[in-house]
């Protein structure tokens, strides 16, 4: 079931959007970034009935291996899960 919401993008009409994470120079605002809100519909891409391409759609949807359940074991995740994820990226 689709959900309507507002996503805030960066307003690209502001030249060189900047955020200072330290004290900015005297007279310069901490940030000149402005939001550019867009109302969008979000859908479950698993039910879209088509594949998605990173270049055309900005993301790709892949099926993850179901044989891994050791996310709470860092060493196991690095040894088994990370290589599986690298294969998916190719």
C-alpha atoms as a PDB file:
ATOM      1  CA  UNK A   1       0.000   0.000   0.000  1.00  0.00           C
ATOM      2  CA  UNK A   2       1.565   3.319  -1.075  1.00  0.00           C
ATOM      3  CA  UNK A   3       2.341   5.993   1.501  1.00  0.00           C
ATOM      4  CA  UNK A   4       2.419   9.721   0.720  1.00  0.00           C
ATOM      5  CA  UNK A   5       5.010  11.820   2.509  1.00  0.00           C
ATOM      6  CA  UNK A   6       7.293  14.797   2.063  1.00  0.00           C
ATOM      7  CA  UNK A   7      11.007  14.307   1.410  1.00  0.00           C
ATOM      8  CA  UNK A   8      13.335  17.249   1.911  1.00  0.00           C
ATOM      9  CA  UNK A   9      16.001  17.643  -0.745  1.00  0.00           C
ATOM     10  CA  UNK A  10      18.743  20.272  -0.713  1.00  0.00           C
ATOM     11  CA  UNK A  11      17.659  23.438  -2.523  1.00  0.00           C
ATOM     12  CA  UNK A  12      20.208  23.539  -5.343  1.00  0.00           C
ATOM     13  CA  UNK A  13      19.521  27.224  -6.056  1.00  0.00           C
ATOM     14  CA  UNK A  14      21.771  28.012  -3.075  1.00  0.00           C
ATOM     15  CA  UNK A  15      25.321  28.238  -4.396  1.00  0.00           C
ATOM     16  CA  UNK A  16      27.780  25.959  -2.593  1.00  0.00           C
ATOM     17  CA  UNK A  17      25.557  24.649   0.239  1.00  0.00           C
ATOM     18  CA  UNK A  18      27.703  24.756   3.390  1.00  0.00           C
ATOM     19  CA  UNK A  19      27.388  23.585   6.985  1.00  0.00           C
ATOM     20  CA  UNK A  20      30.036  24.490   9.545  1.00  0.00           C
ATOM     21  CA  UNK A  21      30.602  21.899  12.251  1.00  0.00           C
ATOM     22  CA  UNK A  22      32.990  24.280  14.002  1.00  0.00           C
ATOM     23  CA  UNK A  23      32.649  27.978  14.766  1.00  0.00           C
ATOM     24  CA  UNK A  24      32.094  29.695  11.375  1.00  0.00           C
ATOM     25  CA  UNK A  25      33.962  32.831  10.359  1.00  0.00           C
ATOM     26  CA  UNK A  26      32.598  36.053  11.853  1.00  0.00           C
ATOM     27  CA  UNK A  27      29.380  37.101  10.127  1.00  0.00           C
ATOM     28  CA  UNK A  28      28.929  33.768   8.329  1.00  0.00           C
ATOM     29  CA  UNK A  29      25.889  31.623   9.220  1.00  0.00           C
ATOM     30  CA  UNK A  30      26.422  28.091  10.515  1.00  0.00           C
ATOM     31  CA  UNK A  31      24.510  26.830   7.476  1.00  0.00           C
ATOM     32  CA  UNK A  32      23.144  28.264   4.249  1.00  0.00           C
ATOM     33  CA  UNK A  33      21.416  24.995   3.335  1.00  0.00           C
ATOM     34  CA  UNK A  34      17.719  25.293   2.559  1.00  0.00           C
ATOM     35  CA  UNK A  35      15.230  22.464   2.179  1.00  0.00           C
ATOM     36  CA  UNK A  36      13.413  21.850  -1.088  1.00  0.00           C
ATOM     37  CA  UNK A  37      10.435  19.710   0.004  1.00  0.00           C
ATOM     38  CA  UNK A  38       8.737  17.384  -2.466  1.00  0.00           C
ATOM     39  CA  UNK A  39       5.601  15.376  -1.828  1.00  0.00           C
ATOM     40  CA  UNK A  40       6.185  11.821  -3.006  1.00  0.00           C
ATOM     41  CA  UNK A  41       4.523   8.436  -2.968  1.00  0.00           C
ATOM     42  CA  UNK A  42       6.556   5.617  -1.442  1.00  0.00           C
ATOM     43  CA  UNK A  43       5.763   2.092  -2.516  1.00  0.00           C
ATOM     44  CA  UNK A  44       7.085  -1.339  -1.617  1.00  0.00           C
ATOM     45  CA  UNK A  45       9.492  -2.003  -4.497  1.00  0.00           C
ATOM     46  CA  UNK A  46       9.240  -5.742  -3.870  1.00  0.00           C
ATOM     47  CA  UNK A  47       5.701  -5.543  -5.244  1.00  0.00           C
ATOM     48  CA  UNK A  48       6.498  -3.303  -8.220  1.00  0.00           C
ATOM     49  CA  UNK A  49       6.665  -6.193 -10.679  1.00  0.00           C
ATOM     50  CA  UNK A  50       9.871  -4.988 -12.303  1.00  0.00           C
ATOM     51  CA  UNK A  51      13.578  -4.758 -11.667  1.00  0.00           C
ATOM     52  CA  UNK A  52      15.361  -1.521 -10.819  1.00  0.00           C
ATOM     53  CA  UNK A  53      18.619  -0.246 -12.222  1.00  0.00           C
ATOM     54  CA  UNK A  54      21.091   1.868 -10.263  1.00  0.00           C
ATOM     55  CA  UNK A  55      21.830   4.114 -13.256  1.00  0.00           C
ATOM     56  CA  UNK A  56      18.208   4.617 -14.330  1.00  0.00           C
ATOM     57  CA  UNK A  57      16.389   4.569 -10.981  1.00  0.00           C
ATOM     58  CA  UNK A  58      19.034   5.660  -8.485  1.00  0.00           C
ATOM     59  CA  UNK A  59      18.935   2.323  -6.665  1.00  0.00           C
ATOM     60  CA  UNK A  60      18.806  -1.368  -7.302  1.00  0.00           C
ATOM     61  CA  UNK A  61      16.890  -3.954  -5.348  1.00  0.00           C
ATOM     62  CA  UNK A  62      18.545  -7.294  -4.744  1.00  0.00           C
ATOM     63  CA  UNK A  63      17.542 -10.426  -2.892  1.00  0.00           C
ATOM     64  CA  UNK A  64      19.907 -11.062  -0.004  1.00  0.00           C
ATOM     65  CA  UNK A  65      21.111 -14.542   0.846  1.00  0.00           C
ATOM     66  CA  UNK A  66      18.839 -16.125   3.444  1.00  0.00           C
ATOM     67  CA  UNK A  67      21.481 -18.417   4.888  1.00  0.00           C
ATOM     68  CA  UNK A  68      23.089 -15.894   7.237  1.00  0.00           C
ATOM     69  CA  UNK A  69      21.841 -15.182  10.736  1.00  0.00           C
ATOM     70  CA  UNK A  70      24.999 -14.169  12.606  1.00  0.00           C
ATOM     71  CA  UNK A  71      24.636 -10.400  12.501  1.00  0.00           C
ATOM     72  CA  UNK A  72      25.392 -10.191  16.216  1.00  0.00           C
ATOM     73  CA  UNK A  73      28.769 -11.918  15.674  1.00  0.00           C
ATOM     74  CA  UNK A  74      31.127  -9.331  14.137  1.00  0.00           C
ATOM     75  CA  UNK A  75      33.833 -11.841  13.224  1.00  0.00           C
ATOM     76  CA  UNK A  76      31.368 -14.183  11.538  1.00  0.00           C
ATOM     77  CA  UNK A  77      29.726 -11.295   9.688  1.00  0.00           C
ATOM     78  CA  UNK A  78      33.092 -10.155   8.314  1.00  0.00           C
ATOM     79  CA  UNK A  79      34.100 -13.711   7.354  1.00  0.00           C
ATOM     80  CA  UNK A  80      30.844 -14.938   5.789  1.00  0.00           C
ATOM     81  CA  UNK A  81      28.364 -12.109   5.223  1.00  0.00           C
ATOM     82  CA  UNK A  82      30.696  -9.398   3.866  1.00  0.00           C
ATOM     83  CA  UNK A  83      31.930 -11.562   0.956  1.00  0.00           C
ATOM     84  CA  UNK A  84      28.301 -12.374   0.066  1.00  0.00           C
ATOM     85  CA  UNK A  85      27.470  -8.668  -0.053  1.00  0.00           C
ATOM     86  CA  UNK A  86      30.492  -7.950  -2.256  1.00  0.00           C
ATOM     87  CA  UNK A  87      29.287 -10.603  -4.715  1.00  0.00           C
ATOM     88  CA  UNK A  88      25.862  -8.941  -4.898  1.00  0.00           C
ATOM     89  CA  UNK A  89      27.467  -5.589  -5.778  1.00  0.00           C
ATOM     90  CA  UNK A  90      28.994  -7.054  -8.938  1.00  0.00           C
END
